[in-house]
Amino acid sequence: MYYEMLKLLIKLYDSLQTTAADYRLPAIPAITPKLNVKP
């Protein structure tokens, strides 16, 4: 169950990063190093 939640969180985070890239928002890339989610 925990693993499924983690996968869902990563998927959500990926969509957030994509949105940030589309609209050139600086906020999401700024917190990326702190989260360490992407490989």
PDB file of N, CA and C in Angstrom:
ATOM      1  N   MET A   1       0.825  -1.194   0.000  1.00  0.00           N
ATOM      2  CA  MET A   1       0.000   0.000   0.000  1.00  0.00           C
ATOM      3  C   MET A   1       0.871   1.260   0.000  1.00  0.00           C
ATOM      4  N   TYR A   2       1.897   1.253   0.840  1.00  0.00           N
ATOM      5  CA  TYR A   2       2.793   2.407   0.902  1.00  0.00           C
ATOM      6  C   TYR A   2       3.463   2.644  -0.459  1.00  0.00           C
ATOM      7  N   TYR A   3       3.863   1.537  -1.102  1.00  0.00           N
ATOM      8  CA  TYR A   3       4.525   1.644  -2.403  1.00  0.00           C
ATOM      9  C   TYR A   3       3.583   2.234  -3.442  1.00  0.00           C
ATOM     10  N   GLU A   4       2.312   1.833  -3.398  1.00  0.00           N
ATOM     11  CA  GLU A   4       1.319   2.370  -4.335  1.00  0.00           C
ATOM     12  C   GLU A   4       1.149   3.876  -4.122  1.00  0.00           C
ATOM     13  N   MET A   5       1.099   4.301  -2.870  1.00  0.00           N
ATOM     14  CA  MET A   5       0.978   5.726  -2.563  1.00  0.00           C
ATOM     15  C   MET A   5       2.199   6.484  -3.065  1.00  0.00           C
ATOM     16  N   LEU A   6       3.369   5.875  -2.915  1.00  0.00           N
ATOM     17  CA  LEU A   6       4.601   6.516  -3.371  1.00  0.00           C
ATOM     18  C   LEU A   6       4.585   6.681  -4.888  1.00  0.00           C
ATOM     19  N   LYS A   7       4.143   5.635  -5.602  1.00  0.00           N
ATOM     20  CA  LYS A   7       4.057   5.734  -7.059  1.00  0.00           C
ATOM     21  C   LYS A   7       3.105   6.838  -7.479  1.00  0.00           C
ATOM     22  N   LEU A   8       1.986   6.940  -6.785  1.00  0.00           N
ATOM     23  CA  LEU A   8       0.996   7.966  -7.089  1.00  0.00           C
ATOM     24  C   LEU A   8       1.587   9.359  -6.838  1.00  0.00           C
ATOM     25  N   LEU A   9       2.322   9.487  -5.744  1.00  0.00           N
ATOM     26  CA  LEU A   9       2.945  10.767  -5.412  1.00  0.00           C
ATOM     27  C   LEU A   9       3.962  11.174  -6.476  1.00  0.00           C
ATOM     28  N   ILE A  10       4.759  10.209  -6.931  1.00  0.00           N
ATOM     29  CA  ILE A  10       5.750  10.492  -7.968  1.00  0.00           C
ATOM     30  C   ILE A  10       5.060  10.912  -9.262  1.00  0.00           C
ATOM     31  N   LYS A  11       3.959  10.223  -9.597  1.00  0.00           N
ATOM     32  CA  LYS A  11       3.212  10.564 -10.809  1.00  0.00           C
ATOM     33  C   LYS A  11       2.666  11.986 -10.710  1.00  0.00           C
ATOM     34  N   LEU A  12       2.116  12.324  -9.544  1.00  0.00           N
ATOM     35  CA  LEU A  12       1.580  13.669  -9.313  1.00  0.00           C
ATOM     36  C   LEU A  12       2.697  14.704  -9.418  1.00  0.00           C
ATOM     37  N   TYR A  13       3.851  14.404  -8.808  1.00  0.00           N
ATOM     38  CA  TYR A  13       4.983  15.325  -8.834  1.00  0.00           C
ATOM     39  C   TYR A  13       5.483  15.536 -10.261  1.00  0.00           C
ATOM     40  N   ASP A  14       5.516  14.449 -11.049  1.00  0.00           N
ATOM     41  CA  ASP A  14       5.931  14.558 -12.446  1.00  0.00           C
ATOM     42  C   ASP A  14       5.000  15.489 -13.211  1.00  0.00           C
ATOM     43  N   SER A  15       3.702  15.371 -12.980  1.00  0.00           N
ATOM     44  CA  SER A  15       2.739  16.227 -13.673  1.00  0.00           C
ATOM     45  C   SER A  15       2.916  17.677 -13.227  1.00  0.00           C
ATOM     46  N   LEU A  16       3.240  17.885 -11.949  1.00  0.00           N
ATOM     47  CA  LEU A  16       3.485  19.237 -11.454  1.00  0.00           C
ATOM     48  C   LEU A  16       4.723  19.833 -12.128  1.00  0.00           C
ATOM     49  N   GLN A  17       5.767  19.050 -12.256  1.00  0.00           N
ATOM     50  CA  GLN A  17       6.986  19.538 -12.901  1.00  0.00           C
ATOM     51  C   GLN A  17       6.725  19.876 -14.362  1.00  0.00           C
ATOM     52  N   THR A  18       5.926  19.025 -15.039  1.00  0.00           N
ATOM     53  CA  THR A  18       5.590  19.277 -16.436  1.00  0.00           C
ATOM     54  C   THR A  18       4.820  20.585 -16.557  1.00  0.00           C
ATOM     55  N   THR A  19       3.863  20.797 -15.667  1.00  0.00           N
ATOM     56  CA  THR A  19       3.089  22.034 -15.674  1.00  0.00           C
ATOM     57  C   THR A  19       4.001  23.230 -15.426  1.00  0.00           C
ATOM     58  N   ALA A  20       4.914  23.096 -14.482  1.00  0.00           N
ATOM     59  CA  ALA A  20       5.831  24.184 -14.164  1.00  0.00           C
ATOM     60  C   ALA A  20       6.693  24.521 -15.381  1.00  0.00           C
ATOM     61  N   ALA A  21       7.135  23.485 -16.095  1.00  0.00           N
ATOM     62  CA  ALA A  21       7.955  23.711 -17.279  1.00  0.00           C
ATOM     63  C   ALA A  21       7.144  24.403 -18.369  1.00  0.00           C
ATOM     64  N   ASP A  22       5.866  24.008 -18.493  1.00  0.00           N
ATOM     65  CA  ASP A  22       5.011  24.604 -19.515  1.00  0.00           C
ATOM     66  C   ASP A  22       4.804  26.092 -19.262  1.00  0.00           C
ATOM     67  N   TYR A  23       4.618  26.456 -18.001  1.00  0.00           N
ATOM     68  CA  TYR A  23       4.330  27.854 -17.672  1.00  0.00           C
ATOM     69  C   TYR A  23       5.552  28.611 -17.159  1.00  0.00           C
ATOM     70  N   ARG A  24       6.718  27.931 -17.179  1.00  0.00           N
ATOM     71  CA  ARG A  24       7.968  28.559 -16.755  1.00  0.00           C
ATOM     72  C   ARG A  24       7.882  29.116 -15.327  1.00  0.00           C
ATOM     73  N   LEU A  25       7.336  28.301 -14.428  1.00  0.00           N
ATOM     74  CA  LEU A  25       7.278  28.712 -13.020  1.00  0.00           C
ATOM     75  C   LEU A  25       8.588  28.314 -12.328  1.00  0.00           C
ATOM     76  N   PRO A  26       9.220  29.228 -11.615  1.00  0.00           N
ATOM     77  CA  PRO A  26      10.495  28.922 -10.962  1.00  0.00           C
ATOM     78  C   PRO A  26      10.333  28.168  -9.636  1.00  0.00           C
ATOM     79  N   ALA A  27       9.113  28.116  -9.105  1.00  0.00           N
ATOM     80  CA  ALA A  27       8.912  27.562  -7.765  1.00  0.00           C
ATOM     81  C   ALA A  27       9.198  26.067  -7.693  1.00  0.00           C
ATOM     82  N   ILE A  28       8.661  25.284  -8.629  1.00  0.00           N
ATOM     83  CA  ILE A  28       8.809  23.829  -8.568  1.00  0.00           C
ATOM     84  C   ILE A  28      10.275  23.383  -8.701  1.00  0.00           C
ATOM     85  N   PRO A  29      11.017  23.871  -9.697  1.00  0.00           N
ATOM     86  CA  PRO A  29      12.425  23.469  -9.811  1.00  0.00           C
ATOM     87  C   PRO A  29      13.248  23.853  -8.575  1.00  0.00           C
ATOM     88  N   ALA A  30      12.820  24.896  -7.871  1.00  0.00           N
ATOM     89  CA  ALA A  30      13.554  25.340  -6.685  1.00  0.00           C
ATOM     90  C   ALA A  30      13.487  24.308  -5.560  1.00  0.00           C
ATOM     91  N   ILE A  31      12.353  23.602  -5.442  1.00  0.00           N
ATOM     92  CA  ILE A  31      12.209  22.613  -4.364  1.00  0.00           C
ATOM     93  C   ILE A  31      12.628  21.211  -4.799  1.00  0.00           C
ATOM     94  N   THR A  32      12.955  21.046  -6.080  1.00  0.00           N
ATOM     95  CA  THR A  32      13.309  19.720  -6.594  1.00  0.00           C
ATOM     96  C   THR A  32      14.478  19.071  -5.830  1.00  0.00           C
ATOM     97  N   PRO A  33      15.585  19.790  -5.569  1.00  0.00           N
ATOM     98  CA  PRO A  33      16.699  19.146  -4.847  1.00  0.00           C
ATOM     99  C   PRO A  33      16.322  18.700  -3.442  1.00  0.00           C
ATOM    100  N   LYS A  34      15.375  19.397  -2.820  1.00  0.00           N
ATOM    101  CA  LYS A  34      14.984  19.041  -1.458  1.00  0.00           C
ATOM    102  C   LYS A  34      14.172  17.747  -1.421  1.00  0.00           C
ATOM    103  N   LEU A  35      13.387  17.491  -2.486  1.00  0.00           N
ATOM    104  CA  LEU A  35      12.514  16.319  -2.480  1.00  0.00           C
ATOM    105  C   LEU A  35      13.261  15.043  -2.860  1.00  0.00           C
ATOM    106  N   ASN A  36      14.199  15.156  -3.813  1.00  0.00           N
ATOM    107  CA  ASN A  36      14.972  13.988  -4.251  1.00  0.00           C
ATOM    108  C   ASN A  36      14.077  12.840  -4.715  1.00  0.00           C
ATOM    109  N   VAL A  37      13.035  13.156  -5.477  1.00  0.00           N
ATOM    110  CA  VAL A  37      12.105  12.119  -5.924  1.00  0.00           C
ATOM    111  C   VAL A  37      12.563  11.522  -7.242  1.00  0.00           C
ATOM    112  N   LYS A  38      12.947  12.380  -8.184  1.00  0.00           N
ATOM    113  CA  LYS A  38      13.329  11.889  -9.512  1.00  0.00           C
ATOM    114  C   LYS A  38      14.711  11.249  -9.465  1.00  0.00           C
ATOM    115  N   PRO A  39      14.902  10.208 -10.250  1.00  0.00           N
ATOM    116  CA  PRO A  39      16.199   9.512 -10.273  1.00  0.00           C
ATOM    117  C   PRO A  39      17.298  10.348 -10.924  1.00  0.00           C
TER     118      PRO A  39
END
